[in-house]
């Protein structure tokens, strides 16, 4: 289980008659929402976002998690507005 940069998955059942995955619900604005509300990022805010996004992708890849659709509406920001 990856504890960094991903939603937690506390339970999975693939053996029963109805397979399921339980994942953590993350209440956070997306990058798309933040840009629509506050405009494009620039300067140090943009740099922090880029570094945070690259760090998250590296952690996800190291954990063997496959992401399918990296786009602003799928990037969740921390309460401080960072990826």
C-alpha atoms as a PDB file:
ATOM      1  CA  UNK A   1       0.000   0.000   0.000  1.00  0.00           C
ATOM      2  CA  UNK A   2       1.320   3.463  -0.923  1.00  0.00           C
ATOM      3  CA  UNK A   3       0.989   5.991   1.888  1.00  0.00           C
ATOM      4  CA  UNK A   4       2.320   8.922  -0.121  1.00  0.00           C
ATOM      5  CA  UNK A   5       0.605  10.837  -2.918  1.00  0.00           C
ATOM      6  CA  UNK A   6      -2.304   8.444  -3.422  1.00  0.00           C
ATOM      7  CA  UNK A   7      -5.675   7.707  -1.892  1.00  0.00           C
ATOM      8  CA  UNK A   8      -5.458   4.822   0.559  1.00  0.00           C
ATOM      9  CA  UNK A   9      -7.147   1.519  -0.312  1.00  0.00           C
ATOM     10  CA  UNK A  10      -8.053  -0.073   3.030  1.00  0.00           C
ATOM     11  CA  UNK A  11     -10.025  -3.009   1.640  1.00  0.00           C
ATOM     12  CA  UNK A  12     -10.239  -5.083  -1.528  1.00  0.00           C
ATOM     13  CA  UNK A  13     -12.209  -8.251  -2.228  1.00  0.00           C
ATOM     14  CA  UNK A  14     -11.822  -9.998  -5.557  1.00  0.00           C
ATOM     15  CA  UNK A  15     -12.749 -13.510  -4.413  1.00  0.00           C
ATOM     16  CA  UNK A  16     -16.407 -13.052  -3.533  1.00  0.00           C
ATOM     17  CA  UNK A  17     -19.329 -13.056  -5.941  1.00  0.00           C
ATOM     18  CA  UNK A  18     -19.187  -9.263  -6.205  1.00  0.00           C
ATOM     19  CA  UNK A  19     -15.614  -7.871  -6.242  1.00  0.00           C
ATOM     20  CA  UNK A  20     -15.091  -4.428  -4.719  1.00  0.00           C
ATOM     21  CA  UNK A  21     -12.486  -1.841  -3.792  1.00  0.00           C
ATOM     22  CA  UNK A  22     -12.841   0.559  -0.869  1.00  0.00           C
ATOM     23  CA  UNK A  23     -10.740   3.690  -1.298  1.00  0.00           C
ATOM     24  CA  UNK A  24     -10.217   6.797   0.773  1.00  0.00           C
ATOM     25  CA  UNK A  25     -12.342   9.817  -0.153  1.00  0.00           C
ATOM     26  CA  UNK A  26     -10.138  12.896  -0.431  1.00  0.00           C
ATOM     27  CA  UNK A  27     -11.870  16.225   0.015  1.00  0.00           C
ATOM     28  CA  UNK A  28      -9.591  18.587  -1.854  1.00  0.00           C
ATOM     29  CA  UNK A  29      -9.808  21.028  -4.749  1.00  0.00           C
ATOM     30  CA  UNK A  30      -8.446  19.932  -8.103  1.00  0.00           C
ATOM     31  CA  UNK A  31      -5.855  21.888 -10.047  1.00  0.00           C
ATOM     32  CA  UNK A  32      -8.572  22.658 -12.609  1.00  0.00           C
ATOM     33  CA  UNK A  33     -10.858  24.153  -9.921  1.00  0.00           C
ATOM     34  CA  UNK A  34      -8.032  26.215  -8.424  1.00  0.00           C
ATOM     35  CA  UNK A  35      -7.016  27.675 -11.803  1.00  0.00           C
ATOM     36  CA  UNK A  36     -10.628  28.504 -12.664  1.00  0.00           C
ATOM     37  CA  UNK A  37     -11.070  30.280  -9.317  1.00  0.00           C
ATOM     38  CA  UNK A  38      -7.711  32.016  -8.987  1.00  0.00           C
ATOM     39  CA  UNK A  39      -6.170  32.061 -12.458  1.00  0.00           C
ATOM     40  CA  UNK A  40      -3.011  30.398 -13.764  1.00  0.00           C
ATOM     41  CA  UNK A  41      -0.141  29.687 -11.404  1.00  0.00           C
ATOM     42  CA  UNK A  42       3.168  31.428 -11.893  1.00  0.00           C
ATOM     43  CA  UNK A  43       6.523  31.899 -10.223  1.00  0.00           C
ATOM     44  CA  UNK A  44       7.172  29.925  -7.041  1.00  0.00           C
ATOM     45  CA  UNK A  45       3.579  28.605  -6.912  1.00  0.00           C
ATOM     46  CA  UNK A  46       4.003  27.034 -10.348  1.00  0.00           C
ATOM     47  CA  UNK A  47       7.435  25.674  -9.409  1.00  0.00           C
ATOM     48  CA  UNK A  48       6.046  24.047  -6.208  1.00  0.00           C
ATOM     49  CA  UNK A  49       3.204  22.504  -8.199  1.00  0.00           C
ATOM     50  CA  UNK A  50       5.618  21.092 -10.801  1.00  0.00           C
ATOM     51  CA  UNK A  51       7.950  19.624  -8.162  1.00  0.00           C
ATOM     52  CA  UNK A  52       5.010  18.221  -6.173  1.00  0.00           C
ATOM     53  CA  UNK A  53       3.461  16.650  -9.263  1.00  0.00           C
ATOM     54  CA  UNK A  54       6.739  15.075 -10.370  1.00  0.00           C
ATOM     55  CA  UNK A  55       7.349  13.776  -6.838  1.00  0.00           C
ATOM     56  CA  UNK A  56       3.853  12.274  -6.715  1.00  0.00           C
ATOM     57  CA  UNK A  57       4.249  10.595 -10.118  1.00  0.00           C
ATOM     58  CA  UNK A  58       7.617   9.133  -9.125  1.00  0.00           C
ATOM     59  CA  UNK A  59       6.135   7.747  -5.873  1.00  0.00           C
ATOM     60  CA  UNK A  60       3.150   6.271  -7.691  1.00  0.00           C
ATOM     61  CA  UNK A  61       5.366   4.642 -10.321  1.00  0.00           C
ATOM     62  CA  UNK A  62       7.742   3.233  -7.683  1.00  0.00           C
ATOM     63  CA  UNK A  63       4.755   1.648  -5.949  1.00  0.00           C
ATOM     64  CA  UNK A  64       3.664  -0.011  -9.186  1.00  0.00           C
ATOM     65  CA  UNK A  65       0.410   1.932  -9.387  1.00  0.00           C
ATOM     66  CA  UNK A  66      -0.801   2.626 -12.915  1.00  0.00           C
ATOM     67  CA  UNK A  67      -2.366   6.016 -13.584  1.00  0.00           C
ATOM     68  CA  UNK A  68      -4.442   6.405 -16.681  1.00  0.00           C
ATOM     69  CA  UNK A  69      -5.429  10.007 -17.012  1.00  0.00           C
ATOM     70  CA  UNK A  70      -3.149  12.779 -15.762  1.00  0.00           C
ATOM     71  CA  UNK A  71      -4.970  16.066 -16.315  1.00  0.00           C
ATOM     72  CA  UNK A  72      -5.787  19.166 -14.211  1.00  0.00           C
ATOM     73  CA  UNK A  73      -9.166  17.794 -13.117  1.00  0.00           C
ATOM     74  CA  UNK A  74      -7.434  14.677 -11.712  1.00  0.00           C
ATOM     75  CA  UNK A  75      -4.651  16.465  -9.806  1.00  0.00           C
ATOM     76  CA  UNK A  76      -5.718  17.051  -6.196  1.00  0.00           C
ATOM     77  CA  UNK A  77      -4.167  19.941  -4.324  1.00  0.00           C
ATOM     78  CA  UNK A  78      -3.213  19.922  -0.673  1.00  0.00           C
ATOM     79  CA  UNK A  79      -4.874  22.447   1.662  1.00  0.00           C
ATOM     80  CA  UNK A  80      -1.938  24.766   0.870  1.00  0.00           C
ATOM     81  CA  UNK A  81      -2.647  24.546  -2.862  1.00  0.00           C
ATOM     82  CA  UNK A  82       0.152  22.161  -3.745  1.00  0.00           C
ATOM     83  CA  UNK A  83      -0.009  18.864  -5.619  1.00  0.00           C
END
